[in-house]
Amino acid sequence: MSRAFGLRLALPLLEVVAFVAFWWLVTGMLAPPPSLLGRFRPDRTAEALGGLILQGQLWPHLAASARRVLIGLALSVLIGLPLGLVVGSVPLVARLTGPVFQLIRMVSPLAWTPLAIILLGVGDAPVYFLIAIGGVWPIVLNTASGIAALNPHWLTLGRSLGANRLELLTAVVWPGIRAHVLTGIRLSVGLAWIIVVPAEMLGVDSGLGYFILDTRDRFAYAELAAAILVVGCCGFFLDSLARFALSERARRLPAMGRRVPAVGPAGWSAAGERVR
């Protein structure tokens, strides 16, 4: 047990060491001393990152990016969840909207930037729009997929017990599609973090994207590399957090999944009685 845990802990550390070694090889050993690439060495990046953290220059930008991601992600959920429920529940809507949704989904969110600025002006609003339009589709598609995979006998059983629409939604539909929805949200979290950095390079005066542009204009290349490292670490942390939340909830449903033929997600038995 401890040996397996140690091996599981050692492998990521070895990967990090190998990455830093490759980084040092490319920027420190293979690059000529006066070259621009040498300014991105790991030691200079670590020194710049420590200075940014101690001086507090990075925290306001990180907080601004996190706030924009949360608001854009909230908009994605508020739009994508009801839309996915409708698309998955009504086959006619799915057939009518399928081609249009696929067409819009294949357009890069950043391609909407000129239209977002024209309609919403500069500032936070276009950033929220770009994050929302990029993050909404995983939620819509996964929610619709969960509805399609829902056992129709659950709904029939709920209706036979006199459940109204709200009770069916909360006691039958939501437990059945929860894993699909959480998977869609996890994908949206990753997309939101990817979109926010380039979106912040247009018309805002805070955020990690703005900070990266600022370091480029100041020729502070070590700080630029440090900002890119922070973006990657924060994205990794957000994805790990979303994956952990999904796995925790998935572990609470195995018993329900094994009893699907006889018991609905709210604990109803085939005889119409609640299972205690």
C-alpha atoms as a PDB file:
ATOM      1  CA  MET A   1       0.000   0.000   0.000  1.00  0.00           C
ATOM      2  CA  SER A   2       2.698   2.498   1.071  1.00  0.00           C
ATOM      3  CA  ARG A   3       4.924   1.372  -1.782  1.00  0.00           C
ATOM      4  CA  ALA A   4       2.149   1.948  -4.323  1.00  0.00           C
ATOM      5  CA  PHE A   5       1.421   5.346  -2.783  1.00  0.00           C
ATOM      6  CA  GLY A   6       5.109   6.278  -2.920  1.00  0.00           C
ATOM      7  CA  LEU A   7       5.304   5.251  -6.568  1.00  0.00           C
ATOM      8  CA  ARG A   8       2.170   7.243  -7.359  1.00  0.00           C
ATOM      9  CA  LEU A   9       3.724  10.281  -5.693  1.00  0.00           C
ATOM     10  CA  ALA A  10       7.163   9.826  -7.246  1.00  0.00           C
ATOM     11  CA  LEU A  11       6.023   9.652 -10.864  1.00  0.00           C
ATOM     12  CA  PRO A  12       4.565  13.206 -11.001  1.00  0.00           C
ATOM     13  CA  LEU A  13       7.695  14.543  -9.281  1.00  0.00           C
ATOM     14  CA  LEU A  14       9.878  12.832 -11.869  1.00  0.00           C
ATOM     15  CA  GLU A  15       7.783  14.362 -14.623  1.00  0.00           C
ATOM     16  CA  VAL A  16       8.247  17.832 -13.119  1.00  0.00           C
ATOM     17  CA  VAL A  17      12.008  17.305 -12.797  1.00  0.00           C
ATOM     18  CA  ALA A  18      12.219  16.092 -16.397  1.00  0.00           C
ATOM     19  CA  PHE A  19      10.238  19.114 -17.602  1.00  0.00           C
ATOM     20  CA  VAL A  20      12.466  21.574 -15.713  1.00  0.00           C
ATOM     21  CA  ALA A  21      15.574  19.808 -17.016  1.00  0.00           C
ATOM     22  CA  PHE A  22      14.313  20.068 -20.600  1.00  0.00           C
ATOM     23  CA  TRP A  23      13.393  23.718 -20.004  1.00  0.00           C
ATOM     24  CA  TRP A  24      16.890  24.427 -18.686  1.00  0.00           C
ATOM     25  CA  LEU A  25      18.496  22.536 -21.567  1.00  0.00           C
ATOM     26  CA  VAL A  26      16.647  24.549 -24.208  1.00  0.00           C
ATOM     27  CA  THR A  27      16.874  28.004 -22.621  1.00  0.00           C
ATOM     28  CA  GLY A  28      20.128  27.764 -20.662  1.00  0.00           C
ATOM     29  CA  MET A  29      22.492  25.355 -22.383  1.00  0.00           C
ATOM     30  CA  LEU A  30      21.526  25.211 -26.057  1.00  0.00           C
ATOM     31  CA  ALA A  31      20.673  28.891 -26.413  1.00  0.00           C
ATOM     32  CA  PRO A  32      23.628  31.277 -26.926  1.00  0.00           C
ATOM     33  CA  PRO A  33      24.289  33.535 -23.882  1.00  0.00           C
ATOM     34  CA  PRO A  34      23.155  36.831 -25.471  1.00  0.00           C
ATOM     35  CA  SER A  35      20.048  35.310 -27.077  1.00  0.00           C
ATOM     36  CA  LEU A  36      16.514  36.314 -26.174  1.00  0.00           C
ATOM     37  CA  LEU A  37      15.668  32.707 -25.333  1.00  0.00           C
ATOM     38  CA  GLY A  38      18.128  32.760 -22.454  1.00  0.00           C
ATOM     39  CA  ARG A  39      15.961  35.297 -20.607  1.00  0.00           C
ATOM     40  CA  PHE A  40      13.339  32.577 -20.103  1.00  0.00           C
ATOM     41  CA  ARG A  41      15.659  30.329 -18.038  1.00  0.00           C
ATOM     42  CA  PRO A  42      14.027  28.536 -15.081  1.00  0.00           C
ATOM     43  CA  ASP A  43      16.223  30.318 -12.505  1.00  0.00           C
ATOM     44  CA  ARG A  44      15.248  33.755 -13.831  1.00  0.00           C
ATOM     45  CA  THR A  45      11.608  32.703 -13.995  1.00  0.00           C
ATOM     46  CA  ALA A  46      11.660  31.425 -10.404  1.00  0.00           C
ATOM     47  CA  GLU A  47      13.313  34.640  -9.213  1.00  0.00           C
ATOM     48  CA  ALA A  48      10.753  36.780 -11.036  1.00  0.00           C
ATOM     49  CA  LEU A  49       7.875  34.676  -9.716  1.00  0.00           C
ATOM     50  CA  GLY A  50       9.104  35.013  -6.143  1.00  0.00           C
ATOM     51  CA  GLY A  51       9.379  38.776  -6.555  1.00  0.00           C
ATOM     52  CA  LEU A  52       5.895  39.069  -8.008  1.00  0.00           C
ATOM     53  CA  ILE A  53       4.410  37.047  -5.157  1.00  0.00           C
ATOM     54  CA  LEU A  54       6.271  38.893  -2.399  1.00  0.00           C
ATOM     55  CA  GLN A  55       5.494  42.309  -3.864  1.00  0.00           C
ATOM     56  CA  GLY A  56       1.837  41.408  -4.367  1.00  0.00           C
ATOM     57  CA  GLN A  57       1.798  42.363  -8.051  1.00  0.00           C
ATOM     58  CA  LEU A  58       0.305  39.092  -9.228  1.00  0.00           C
ATOM     59  CA  TRP A  59      -2.598  38.634  -6.805  1.00  0.00           C
ATOM     60  CA  PRO A  60      -4.921  41.378  -8.182  1.00  0.00           C
ATOM     61  CA  HIS A  61      -4.546  40.022 -11.710  1.00  0.00           C
ATOM     62  CA  LEU A  62      -5.121  36.448 -10.566  1.00  0.00           C
ATOM     63  CA  ALA A  63      -8.225  37.512  -8.628  1.00  0.00           C
ATOM     64  CA  ALA A  64      -9.574  39.412 -11.661  1.00  0.00           C
ATOM     65  CA  SER A  65      -9.117  36.387 -13.934  1.00  0.00           C
ATOM     66  CA  ALA A  66     -10.721  34.047 -11.368  1.00  0.00           C
ATOM     67  CA  ARG A  67     -13.700  36.391 -11.014  1.00  0.00           C
ATOM     68  CA  ARG A  68     -14.241  36.528 -14.768  1.00  0.00           C
ATOM     69  CA  VAL A  69     -13.990  32.745 -15.046  1.00  0.00           C
ATOM     70  CA  LEU A  70     -16.533  32.223 -12.257  1.00  0.00           C
ATOM     71  CA  ILE A  71     -19.032  34.691 -13.749  1.00  0.00           C
ATOM     72  CA  GLY A  72     -18.589  33.344 -17.285  1.00  0.00           C
ATOM     73  CA  LEU A  73     -18.901  29.776 -16.028  1.00  0.00           C
ATOM     74  CA  ALA A  74     -22.037  30.666 -14.064  1.00  0.00           C
ATOM     75  CA  LEU A  75     -23.565  32.106 -17.244  1.00  0.00           C
ATOM     76  CA  SER A  76     -22.624  28.905 -19.097  1.00  0.00           C
ATOM     77  CA  VAL A  77     -24.407  26.783 -16.486  1.00  0.00           C
ATOM     78  CA  LEU A  78     -27.492  29.028 -16.338  1.00  0.00           C
ATOM     79  CA  ILE A  79     -27.844  28.865 -20.120  1.00  0.00           C
ATOM     80  CA  GLY A  80     -26.510  25.396 -20.864  1.00  0.00           C
ATOM     81  CA  LEU A  81     -28.360  23.339 -18.252  1.00  0.00           C
ATOM     82  CA  PRO A  82     -31.945  24.367 -19.192  1.00  0.00           C
ATOM     83  CA  LEU A  83     -31.055  24.279 -22.889  1.00  0.00           C
ATOM     84  CA  GLY A  84     -29.608  20.784 -22.547  1.00  0.00           C
ATOM     85  CA  LEU A  85     -32.726  19.627 -20.694  1.00  0.00           C
ATOM     86  CA  VAL A  86     -34.945  20.915 -23.502  1.00  0.00           C
ATOM     87  CA  VAL A  87     -32.772  19.504 -26.278  1.00  0.00           C
ATOM     88  CA  GLY A  88     -32.548  16.116 -24.590  1.00  0.00           C
ATOM     89  CA  SER A  89     -36.247  15.939 -23.686  1.00  0.00           C
ATOM     90  CA  VAL A  90     -37.837  17.099 -26.934  1.00  0.00           C
ATOM     91  CA  PRO A  91     -36.614  15.181 -30.026  1.00  0.00           C
ATOM     92  CA  LEU A  92     -38.119  17.780 -32.377  1.00  0.00           C
ATOM     93  CA  VAL A  93     -36.070  20.547 -30.751  1.00  0.00           C
ATOM     94  CA  ALA A  94     -32.946  18.391 -31.010  1.00  0.00           C
ATOM     95  CA  ARG A  95     -33.518  17.821 -34.737  1.00  0.00           C
ATOM     96  CA  LEU A  96     -34.255  21.489 -35.435  1.00  0.00           C
ATOM     97  CA  THR A  97     -31.381  22.941 -33.437  1.00  0.00           C
ATOM     98  CA  GLY A  98     -28.755  20.252 -34.038  1.00  0.00           C
ATOM     99  CA  PRO A  99     -27.177  21.686 -37.229  1.00  0.00           C
ATOM    100  CA  VAL A 100     -27.244  25.256 -35.902  1.00  0.00           C
ATOM    101  CA  PHE A 101     -25.731  24.290 -32.565  1.00  0.00           C
ATOM    102  CA  GLN A 102     -22.983  22.264 -34.217  1.00  0.00           C
ATOM    103  CA  LEU A 103     -22.192  25.169 -36.545  1.00  0.00           C
ATOM    104  CA  ILE A 104     -21.924  27.674 -33.686  1.00  0.00           C
ATOM    105  CA  ARG A 105     -20.012  25.218 -31.508  1.00  0.00           C
ATOM    106  CA  MET A 106     -17.317  24.801 -34.145  1.00  0.00           C
ATOM    107  CA  VAL A 107     -16.610  28.540 -34.247  1.00  0.00           C
ATOM    108  CA  SER A 108     -13.696  29.476 -32.008  1.00  0.00           C
ATOM    109  CA  PRO A 109     -14.900  31.612 -29.075  1.00  0.00           C
ATOM    110  CA  LEU A 110     -12.184  34.154 -29.863  1.00  0.00           C
ATOM    111  CA  ALA A 111     -13.647  34.584 -33.353  1.00  0.00           C
ATOM    112  CA  TRP A 112     -16.603  36.297 -31.669  1.00  0.00           C
ATOM    113  CA  THR A 113     -14.310  38.992 -30.212  1.00  0.00           C
ATOM    114  CA  PRO A 114     -15.047  41.763 -32.775  1.00  0.00           C
ATOM    115  CA  LEU A 115     -18.795  41.190 -32.488  1.00  0.00           C
ATOM    116  CA  ALA A 116     -18.593  41.099 -28.680  1.00  0.00           C
ATOM    117  CA  ILE A 117     -16.722  44.405 -28.569  1.00  0.00           C
ATOM    118  CA  ILE A 118     -19.119  46.032 -31.060  1.00  0.00           C
ATOM    119  CA  LEU A 119     -22.208  44.949 -29.113  1.00  0.00           C
ATOM    120  CA  LEU A 120     -20.903  45.122 -25.539  1.00  0.00           C
ATOM    121  CA  GLY A 121     -18.067  47.623 -25.721  1.00  0.00           C
ATOM    122  CA  VAL A 122     -14.765  47.189 -23.924  1.00  0.00           C
ATOM    123  CA  GLY A 123     -14.377  45.950 -20.391  1.00  0.00           C
ATOM    124  CA  ASP A 124     -15.533  42.826 -18.575  1.00  0.00           C
ATOM    125  CA  ALA A 125     -18.755  42.232 -20.523  1.00  0.00           C
ATOM    126  CA  PRO A 126     -17.079  40.926 -23.727  1.00  0.00           C
ATOM    127  CA  VAL A 127     -14.878  38.630 -21.615  1.00  0.00           C
ATOM    128  CA  TYR A 128     -17.946  37.174 -19.898  1.00  0.00           C
ATOM    129  CA  PHE A 129     -19.567  36.683 -23.299  1.00  0.00           C
ATOM    130  CA  LEU A 130     -16.559  34.888 -24.788  1.00  0.00           C
ATOM    131  CA  ILE A 131     -16.220  32.573 -21.781  1.00  0.00           C
ATOM    132  CA  ALA A 132     -19.943  31.817 -21.755  1.00  0.00           C
ATOM    133  CA  ILE A 133     -20.207  31.085 -25.468  1.00  0.00           C
ATOM    134  CA  GLY A 134     -17.212  28.764 -25.256  1.00  0.00           C
ATOM    135  CA  GLY A 135     -18.218  26.977 -22.059  1.00  0.00           C
ATOM    136  CA  VAL A 136     -21.921  26.507 -22.735  1.00  0.00           C
ATOM    137  CA  TRP A 137     -21.627  23.727 -25.315  1.00  0.00           C
ATOM    138  CA  PRO A 138     -20.062  20.983 -23.171  1.00  0.00           C
ATOM    139  CA  ILE A 139     -22.845  21.539 -20.642  1.00  0.00           C
ATOM    140  CA  VAL A 140     -25.584  21.484 -23.299  1.00  0.00           C
ATOM    141  CA  LEU A 141     -24.282  18.354 -25.020  1.00  0.00           C
ATOM    142  CA  ASN A 142     -23.548  16.404 -21.840  1.00  0.00           C
ATOM    143  CA  THR A 143     -26.899  17.311 -20.286  1.00  0.00           C
ATOM    144  CA  ALA A 144     -28.739  16.267 -23.444  1.00  0.00           C
ATOM    145  CA  SER A 145     -26.720  13.032 -23.501  1.00  0.00           C
ATOM    146  CA  GLY A 146     -27.683  12.350 -19.889  1.00  0.00           C
ATOM    147  CA  ILE A 147     -31.373  12.882 -20.673  1.00  0.00           C
ATOM    148  CA  ALA A 148     -31.121  10.514 -23.646  1.00  0.00           C
ATOM    149  CA  ALA A 149     -29.477   7.845 -21.453  1.00  0.00           C
ATOM    150  CA  LEU A 150     -32.078   8.188 -18.692  1.00  0.00           C
ATOM    151  CA  ASN A 151     -34.121   5.040 -18.089  1.00  0.00           C
ATOM    152  CA  PRO A 152     -37.697   5.914 -19.180  1.00  0.00           C
ATOM    153  CA  HIS A 153     -39.099   3.429 -16.662  1.00  0.00           C
ATOM    154  CA  TRP A 154     -37.947   5.748 -13.892  1.00  0.00           C
ATOM    155  CA  LEU A 155     -40.192   8.509 -15.206  1.00  0.00           C
ATOM    156  CA  THR A 156     -43.089   6.108 -15.668  1.00  0.00           C
ATOM    157  CA  LEU A 157     -42.691   4.867 -12.117  1.00  0.00           C
ATOM    158  CA  GLY A 158     -42.550   8.400 -10.780  1.00  0.00           C
ATOM    159  CA  ARG A 159     -45.735   9.391 -12.607  1.00  0.00           C
ATOM    160  CA  SER A 160     -47.502   6.267 -11.386  1.00  0.00           C
ATOM    161  CA  LEU A 161     -46.668   7.337  -7.833  1.00  0.00           C
ATOM    162  CA  GLY A 162     -48.231  10.732  -8.459  1.00  0.00           C
ATOM    163  CA  ALA A 163     -45.036  12.797  -8.700  1.00  0.00           C
ATOM    164  CA  ASN A 164     -45.434  16.209 -10.310  1.00  0.00           C
ATOM    165  CA  ARG A 165     -42.949  17.699 -12.778  1.00  0.00           C
ATOM    166  CA  LEU A 166     -40.819  19.359 -10.125  1.00  0.00           C
ATOM    167  CA  GLU A 167     -40.606  16.138  -8.117  1.00  0.00           C
ATOM    168  CA  LEU A 168     -39.700  14.176 -11.247  1.00  0.00           C
ATOM    169  CA  LEU A 169     -36.981  16.691 -12.051  1.00  0.00           C
ATOM    170  CA  THR A 170     -35.445  16.702  -8.563  1.00  0.00           C
ATOM    171  CA  ALA A 171     -35.936  13.052  -7.576  1.00  0.00           C
ATOM    172  CA  VAL A 172     -35.580  11.218 -10.893  1.00  0.00           C
ATOM    173  CA  VAL A 173     -34.054  13.314 -13.664  1.00  0.00           C
ATOM    174  CA  TRP A 174     -31.329  15.119 -11.719  1.00  0.00           C
ATOM    175  CA  PRO A 175     -29.861  12.014  -9.992  1.00  0.00           C
ATOM    176  CA  GLY A 176     -29.840  10.258 -13.365  1.00  0.00           C
ATOM    177  CA  ILE A 177     -28.045  13.027 -15.284  1.00  0.00           C
ATOM    178  CA  ARG A 178     -25.871  14.427 -12.491  1.00  0.00           C
ATOM    179  CA  ALA A 179     -22.686  12.670 -13.599  1.00  0.00           C
ATOM    180  CA  HIS A 180     -23.177  13.890 -17.188  1.00  0.00           C
ATOM    181  CA  VAL A 181     -23.774  17.466 -16.059  1.00  0.00           C
ATOM    182  CA  LEU A 182     -20.715  17.472 -13.805  1.00  0.00           C
ATOM    183  CA  THR A 183     -18.600  16.142 -16.660  1.00  0.00           C
ATOM    184  CA  GLY A 184     -19.836  18.980 -18.866  1.00  0.00           C
ATOM    185  CA  ILE A 185     -19.050  21.528 -16.162  1.00  0.00           C
ATOM    186  CA  ARG A 186     -15.553  20.118 -15.745  1.00  0.00           C
ATOM    187  CA  LEU A 187     -14.923  20.524 -19.488  1.00  0.00           C
ATOM    188  CA  SER A 188     -16.339  24.039 -19.332  1.00  0.00           C
ATOM    189  CA  VAL A 189     -13.984  24.955 -16.480  1.00  0.00           C
ATOM    190  CA  GLY A 190     -10.987  24.048 -18.622  1.00  0.00           C
ATOM    191  CA  LEU A 191     -12.312  25.936 -21.623  1.00  0.00           C
ATOM    192  CA  ALA A 192     -13.127  28.996 -19.516  1.00  0.00           C
ATOM    193  CA  TRP A 193      -9.572  29.168 -18.167  1.00  0.00           C
ATOM    194  CA  ILE A 194      -8.140  28.766 -21.674  1.00  0.00           C
ATOM    195  CA  ILE A 195     -10.391  31.507 -23.077  1.00  0.00           C
ATOM    196  CA  VAL A 196      -9.963  34.072 -20.293  1.00  0.00           C
ATOM    197  CA  VAL A 197      -6.254  34.749 -20.922  1.00  0.00           C
ATOM    198  CA  PRO A 198      -6.482  35.813 -24.607  1.00  0.00           C
ATOM    199  CA  ALA A 199      -9.818  37.523 -23.915  1.00  0.00           C
ATOM    200  CA  GLU A 200      -8.129  39.707 -21.285  1.00  0.00           C
ATOM    201  CA  MET A 201      -5.680  40.962 -23.886  1.00  0.00           C
ATOM    202  CA  LEU A 202      -8.450  43.083 -25.392  1.00  0.00           C
ATOM    203  CA  GLY A 203      -9.814  46.146 -23.660  1.00  0.00           C
ATOM    204  CA  VAL A 204      -9.266  45.366 -19.951  1.00  0.00           C
ATOM    205  CA  ASP A 205      -6.700  46.697 -17.500  1.00  0.00           C
ATOM    206  CA  SER A 206      -6.372  43.683 -15.183  1.00  0.00           C
ATOM    207  CA  GLY A 207      -6.108  39.911 -15.309  1.00  0.00           C
ATOM    208  CA  LEU A 208      -3.367  37.479 -16.232  1.00  0.00           C
ATOM    209  CA  GLY A 209      -3.860  38.064 -19.958  1.00  0.00           C
ATOM    210  CA  TYR A 210      -3.402  41.799 -19.490  1.00  0.00           C
ATOM    211  CA  PHE A 211      -0.370  41.181 -17.269  1.00  0.00           C
ATOM    212  CA  ILE A 212       1.265  39.008 -19.954  1.00  0.00           C
ATOM    213  CA  LEU A 213       0.838  41.787 -22.519  1.00  0.00           C
ATOM    214  CA  ASP A 214       2.199  44.304 -20.023  1.00  0.00           C
ATOM    215  CA  THR A 215       5.336  42.241 -19.388  1.00  0.00           C
ATOM    216  CA  ARG A 216       5.882  41.941 -23.131  1.00  0.00           C
ATOM    217  CA  ASP A 217       5.645  45.705 -23.578  1.00  0.00           C
ATOM    218  CA  ARG A 218       8.092  46.231 -20.675  1.00  0.00           C
ATOM    219  CA  PHE A 219      10.477  43.583 -22.055  1.00  0.00           C
ATOM    220  CA  ALA A 220      10.210  41.806 -18.683  1.00  0.00           C
ATOM    221  CA  TYR A 221      10.563  38.357 -20.183  1.00  0.00           C
ATOM    222  CA  ALA A 222      11.278  36.575 -16.910  1.00  0.00           C
ATOM    223  CA  GLU A 223       8.004  37.940 -15.505  1.00  0.00           C
ATOM    224  CA  LEU A 224       6.259  36.898 -18.722  1.00  0.00           C
ATOM    225  CA  ALA A 225       7.492  33.311 -18.267  1.00  0.00           C
ATOM    226  CA  ALA A 226       6.432  33.451 -14.612  1.00  0.00           C
ATOM    227  CA  ALA A 227       2.924  34.587 -15.618  1.00  0.00           C
ATOM    228  CA  ILE A 228       2.646  31.765 -18.150  1.00  0.00           C
ATOM    229  CA  LEU A 229       3.750  29.309 -15.456  1.00  0.00           C
ATOM    230  CA  VAL A 230       1.067  30.667 -13.109  1.00  0.00           C
ATOM    231  CA  VAL A 231      -1.576  30.291 -15.825  1.00  0.00           C
ATOM    232  CA  GLY A 232      -0.609  26.656 -16.352  1.00  0.00           C
ATOM    233  CA  CYS A 233      -0.494  25.843 -12.628  1.00  0.00           C
ATOM    234  CA  CYS A 234      -3.862  27.484 -11.975  1.00  0.00           C
ATOM    235  CA  GLY A 235      -5.430  25.632 -14.899  1.00  0.00           C
ATOM    236  CA  PHE A 236      -4.030  22.358 -13.594  1.00  0.00           C
ATOM    237  CA  PHE A 237      -5.404  23.132 -10.126  1.00  0.00           C
ATOM    238  CA  LEU A 238      -8.872  23.994 -11.471  1.00  0.00           C
ATOM    239  CA  ASP A 239      -9.043  20.814 -13.563  1.00  0.00           C
ATOM    240  CA  SER A 240      -7.865  18.697 -10.632  1.00  0.00           C
ATOM    241  CA  LEU A 241     -10.452  20.314  -8.376  1.00  0.00           C
ATOM    242  CA  ALA A 242     -13.229  19.677 -10.894  1.00  0.00           C
ATOM    243  CA  ARG A 243     -12.054  16.082 -11.396  1.00  0.00           C
ATOM    244  CA  PHE A 244     -11.980  15.508  -7.639  1.00  0.00           C
ATOM    245  CA  ALA A 245     -15.495  16.905  -7.216  1.00  0.00           C
ATOM    246  CA  LEU A 246     -16.753  14.687 -10.030  1.00  0.00           C
ATOM    247  CA  SER A 247     -15.112  11.561  -8.641  1.00  0.00           C
ATOM    248  CA  GLU A 248     -16.436  12.221  -5.133  1.00  0.00           C
ATOM    249  CA  ARG A 249     -19.994  12.425  -6.417  1.00  0.00           C
ATOM    250  CA  ALA A 250     -19.526   9.464  -8.712  1.00  0.00           C
ATOM    251  CA  ARG A 251     -18.518   7.321  -5.752  1.00  0.00           C
ATOM    252  CA  ARG A 252     -21.826   8.083  -4.040  1.00  0.00           C
ATOM    253  CA  LEU A 253     -23.861   6.571  -6.864  1.00  0.00           C
ATOM    254  CA  PRO A 254     -22.548   2.997  -7.353  1.00  0.00           C
ATOM    255  CA  ALA A 255     -25.274   1.392  -5.281  1.00  0.00           C
ATOM    256  CA  MET A 256     -27.953   3.276  -7.186  1.00  0.00           C
ATOM    257  CA  GLY A 257     -26.390   2.252 -10.499  1.00  0.00           C
ATOM    258  CA  ARG A 258     -26.396  -1.427  -9.521  1.00  0.00           C
ATOM    259  CA  ARG A 259     -30.082  -1.293  -8.555  1.00  0.00           C
ATOM    260  CA  VAL A 260     -31.299   0.518 -11.651  1.00  0.00           C
ATOM    261  CA  PRO A 261     -33.472  -2.374 -12.935  1.00  0.00           C
ATOM    262  CA  ALA A 262     -35.460  -2.483  -9.696  1.00  0.00           C
ATOM    263  CA  VAL A 263     -35.028   0.887  -8.020  1.00  0.00           C
ATOM    264  CA  GLY A 264     -35.307   4.433  -9.329  1.00  0.00           C
ATOM    265  CA  PRO A 265     -32.849   7.156  -8.404  1.00  0.00           C
ATOM    266  CA  ALA A 266     -35.076   8.443  -5.581  1.00  0.00           C
ATOM    267  CA  GLY A 267     -35.149   5.020  -3.906  1.00  0.00           C
ATOM    268  CA  TRP A 268     -38.520   3.777  -5.180  1.00  0.00           C
ATOM    269  CA  SER A 269     -38.903   0.045  -5.438  1.00  0.00           C
ATOM    270  CA  ALA A 270     -40.585  -1.700  -8.317  1.00  0.00           C
ATOM    271  CA  ALA A 271     -43.580  -2.241  -6.035  1.00  0.00           C
ATOM    272  CA  GLY A 272     -43.978   1.498  -5.629  1.00  0.00           C
ATOM    273  CA  GLU A 273     -42.572   1.699  -2.115  1.00  0.00           C
ATOM    274  CA  ARG A 274     -39.742   3.866  -0.859  1.00  0.00           C
ATOM    275  CA  VAL A 275     -36.552   2.025   0.029  1.00  0.00           C
ATOM    276  CA  ARG A 276     -35.299   3.141   3.442  1.00  0.00           C
END
